[in-house]
Amino acid sequence: NDFHSLFGNTVYSAVAIDNDRYVIATANGLYSYQESNNNLVPFDLSEPAYSLEYDEVNGVLFVDAGRKIKEYAFPDAAVLNTVISGDSLLDIRIQYNK
């Protein structure tokens, strides 16, 4: 895979959406990558993104943006919700309950 378009950008995390699509968290924000056509496009460059988690059941991407978690509908990049934290976040994990 060729990530040459991210040269000079710090990559913090990546998550697979499916067998062909990925989201990449960087110091410049989020990028969407499609492996089949080697297409890398900006997803949301409004702020740095650090860690990612994808909820494949509901189609929601969770993004650690420093002191907040942003929830995005995927693939249209619409922000569904933003949760502000009083402290820095270290990681995001989804837990399903029955």
Protein backbone atom coordinates (compact mmCIF):
# COMPACT_ATOMS: atom_id res chain seq x y z
CA ASN A 1 0.00 0.00 0.00
CA ASP A 2 1.20 3.47 -0.83
CA PHE A 3 0.67 6.13 1.85
CA HIS A 4 2.97 8.63 0.15
CA SER A 5 0.29 11.33 0.48
CA LEU A 6 0.82 11.30 4.27
CA PHE A 7 4.50 12.22 4.01
CA GLY A 8 5.46 14.53 6.87
CA ASN A 9 2.24 13.82 8.77
CA THR A 10 2.24 11.87 12.05
CA VAL A 11 -0.02 8.80 11.94
CA TYR A 12 -1.46 7.88 15.35
CA SER A 13 -3.97 5.16 14.55
CA ALA A 14 -5.87 3.35 11.81
CA VAL A 15 -9.01 1.24 11.80
CA ALA A 16 -10.49 -1.09 9.18
CA ILE A 17 -14.03 -0.28 8.16
CA ASP A 18 -14.26 -3.35 5.93
CA ASN A 19 -11.93 -5.43 3.74
CA ASP A 20 -11.21 -2.47 1.45
CA ARG A 21 -11.71 0.77 3.44
CA TYR A 22 -9.76 2.24 6.36
CA VAL A 23 -9.77 5.44 8.38
CA ILE A 24 -6.43 6.92 9.45
CA ALA A 25 -5.98 9.26 12.44
CA THR A 26 -3.18 11.80 12.02
CA ALA A 27 -1.84 15.03 13.49
CA ASN A 28 -3.71 16.83 10.71
CA GLY A 29 -7.02 15.01 11.22
CA LEU A 30 -8.79 12.06 9.61
CA TYR A 31 -8.27 10.46 6.22
CA SER A 32 -10.24 7.75 4.48
CA TYR A 33 -8.29 5.20 2.46
CA GLN A 34 -9.66 2.75 -0.12
CA GLU A 35 -7.15 0.01 -0.88
CA SER A 36 -8.69 -1.29 -4.12
CA ASN A 37 -8.06 1.98 -5.96
CA ASN A 38 -5.27 3.36 -3.69
CA ASN A 39 -7.43 6.40 -2.95
CA LEU A 40 -6.60 8.54 0.09
CA VAL A 41 -8.98 11.45 0.77
CA PRO A 42 -9.42 13.85 3.68
CA PHE A 43 -12.29 12.82 5.96
CA ASP A 44 -12.18 15.62 8.55
CA LEU A 45 -9.13 17.88 8.89
CA SER A 46 -10.64 20.24 11.47
CA GLU A 47 -8.41 18.96 14.33
CA PRO A 48 -5.88 16.23 15.19
CA ALA A 49 -7.21 12.71 15.74
CA TYR A 50 -5.41 10.23 17.97
CA SER A 51 -7.23 6.92 18.35
CA LEU A 52 -10.10 5.30 16.49
CA GLU A 53 -12.71 2.63 17.02
CA TYR A 54 -15.34 1.54 14.50
CA ASP A 55 -18.72 0.17 15.58
CA GLU A 56 -19.54 -2.11 12.66
CA VAL A 57 -22.96 -2.99 14.10
CA ASN A 58 -24.19 0.62 13.99
CA GLY A 59 -21.84 2.06 11.35
CA VAL A 60 -20.39 4.66 13.74
CA LEU A 61 -16.77 5.79 13.84
CA PHE A 62 -15.52 6.96 17.28
CA VAL A 63 -12.60 9.38 17.24
CA ASP A 64 -10.38 10.53 20.11
CA ALA A 65 -9.72 14.21 19.40
CA GLY A 66 -7.73 15.07 22.52
CA ARG A 67 -10.24 15.99 25.19
CA LYS A 68 -13.32 14.90 23.28
CA ILE A 69 -14.80 11.92 21.51
CA LYS A 70 -16.49 12.59 18.21
CA GLU A 71 -18.94 10.13 16.68
CA TYR A 72 -19.22 10.07 12.89
CA ALA A 73 -21.65 8.34 10.57
CA PHE A 74 -19.58 6.41 8.07
CA PRO A 75 -19.02 6.94 5.15
CA ASP A 76 -20.70 10.36 4.89
CA ALA A 77 -18.53 11.96 7.65
CA ALA A 78 -21.50 13.55 9.40
CA VAL A 79 -20.75 14.28 13.07
CA LEU A 80 -23.45 12.55 15.11
CA ASN A 81 -22.30 13.55 18.58
CA THR A 82 -19.40 15.12 20.48
CA VAL A 83 -18.60 14.28 24.10
CA ILE A 84 -16.24 16.61 25.97
CA SER A 85 -13.94 15.13 28.62
CA GLY A 86 -12.42 16.95 31.58
CA ASP A 87 -9.14 15.14 30.97
CA SER A 88 -7.10 13.78 28.08
CA LEU A 89 -8.23 10.52 26.51
CA LEU A 90 -5.89 7.57 26.08
CA ASP A 91 -7.94 5.21 23.93
CA ILE A 92 -11.44 4.22 22.83
CA ARG A 93 -12.99 0.76 23.21
CA ILE A 94 -16.51 -0.32 22.31
CA GLN A 95 -18.28 -2.74 24.62
CA TYR A 96 -21.50 -4.43 23.54
CA ASN A 97 -24.12 -5.47 26.11
CA LYS A 98 -26.79 -8.08 25.52
